[in-house]
Amino acid sequence: MRNAMVAILTLSAALAATLAGPSPAVAYDYPYCLQGRGIGIPGECAYTSYAQCMASASGRALYCSINPRVAFAQQRRGRAYGPYRDY
């Protein structure tokens, strides 16, 4: 009886997890943002190209700019310069 109860609880938990809906989307910073009045800063950053962004901005009194999170992302570090060595 106890094993049946555990099995029922396990199946109901698995079913509830699948019916709860999809998992949250992975955050991704696209390179172009739609900005303007009422959208805020940095704006709606969901565009992979400038043309896509401008097409969405057309007729809405909005403009496109580069996503600041992408523009100011930490660059890969080059060669680390250590203390001066006299060879």
Protein backbone atom coordinates (compact mmCIF):
# COMPACT_ATOMS: atom_id res chain seq x y z
CA MET A 1 0.00 0.00 0.00
CA ARG A 2 2.81 2.37 0.89
CA ASN A 3 4.61 1.71 -2.42
CA ALA A 4 1.42 2.47 -4.33
CA MET A 5 1.04 5.79 -2.49
CA VAL A 6 4.63 6.76 -3.27
CA ALA A 7 4.16 5.82 -6.93
CA ILE A 8 0.95 7.87 -7.17
CA LEU A 9 2.62 10.89 -5.56
CA THR A 10 5.62 10.61 -7.87
CA LEU A 11 3.46 10.37 -10.98
CA SER A 12 1.29 13.29 -9.90
CA ALA A 13 4.37 15.45 -9.24
CA ALA A 14 5.77 14.59 -12.68
CA LEU A 15 2.43 15.35 -14.32
CA ALA A 16 2.16 18.68 -12.50
CA ALA A 17 5.67 19.63 -13.64
CA THR A 18 4.83 18.94 -17.28
CA LEU A 19 1.51 20.77 -17.13
CA ALA A 20 3.03 23.80 -15.43
CA GLY A 21 4.20 25.13 -18.78
CA PRO A 22 7.48 25.68 -20.52
CA SER A 23 10.57 26.63 -18.63
CA PRO A 24 11.67 30.29 -18.73
CA ALA A 25 13.47 31.41 -21.86
CA VAL A 26 17.20 31.78 -21.83
CA ALA A 27 18.23 35.41 -21.52
CA TYR A 28 20.07 36.61 -24.60
CA ASP A 29 21.32 40.08 -25.35
CA TYR A 30 20.55 40.96 -28.95
CA PRO A 31 22.70 43.68 -30.53
CA TYR A 32 19.95 46.23 -31.38
CA CYS A 33 17.37 47.91 -29.17
CA LEU A 34 14.19 49.77 -30.03
CA GLN A 35 14.02 52.94 -27.97
CA GLY A 36 11.74 55.90 -27.56
CA ARG A 37 9.00 57.39 -25.44
CA GLY A 38 7.25 54.85 -23.27
CA ILE A 39 9.72 52.02 -23.80
CA GLY A 40 12.47 52.92 -21.33
CA ILE A 41 16.16 52.24 -21.24
CA PRO A 42 17.76 50.15 -22.73
CA GLY A 43 14.52 49.51 -24.60
CA GLU A 44 13.18 46.48 -26.39
CA CYS A 45 16.37 44.59 -27.22
CA ALA A 46 15.03 41.78 -29.37
CA TYR A 47 16.54 42.49 -32.80
CA THR A 48 19.43 40.71 -34.47
CA SER A 49 19.87 43.27 -37.24
CA TYR A 50 19.48 47.00 -37.64
CA ALA A 51 17.01 46.45 -40.51
CA GLN A 52 14.73 44.37 -38.26
CA CYS A 53 14.79 47.07 -35.62
CA MET A 54 14.09 49.87 -38.09
CA ALA A 55 11.19 47.92 -39.61
CA SER A 56 9.64 47.60 -36.16
CA ALA A 57 10.24 51.29 -35.41
CA SER A 58 8.66 52.41 -38.67
CA GLY A 59 5.60 54.59 -38.08
CA ARG A 60 5.91 54.47 -34.30
CA ALA A 61 8.12 57.54 -33.64
CA LEU A 62 10.81 55.25 -32.21
CA TYR A 63 14.46 54.77 -33.07
CA CYS A 64 17.06 52.01 -32.95
CA SER A 65 20.41 51.94 -31.23
CA ILE A 66 23.05 49.48 -30.18
CA ASN A 67 22.27 47.48 -27.05
CA PRO A 68 24.43 48.97 -24.27
CA ARG A 69 24.78 45.57 -22.59
CA VAL A 70 26.34 44.24 -25.78
CA ALA A 71 28.38 47.36 -26.55
CA PHE A 72 29.90 47.62 -23.08
CA ALA A 73 30.25 43.91 -22.36
CA GLN A 74 33.54 42.94 -20.86
CA GLN A 75 36.02 42.29 -23.62
CA ARG A 76 38.21 39.23 -23.64
CA ARG A 77 41.45 39.98 -21.95
CA GLY A 78 44.53 39.90 -24.05
CA ARG A 79 48.00 39.18 -22.84
CA ALA A 80 48.42 39.95 -19.18
CA TYR A 81 51.37 42.23 -18.63
CA GLY A 82 53.29 41.32 -15.53
CA PRO A 83 56.05 43.12 -13.76
CA TYR A 84 59.00 44.25 -15.84
CA ARG A 85 61.67 41.58 -16.11
CA ASP A 86 65.21 42.36 -17.06
CA TYR A 87 66.51 39.45 -19.10
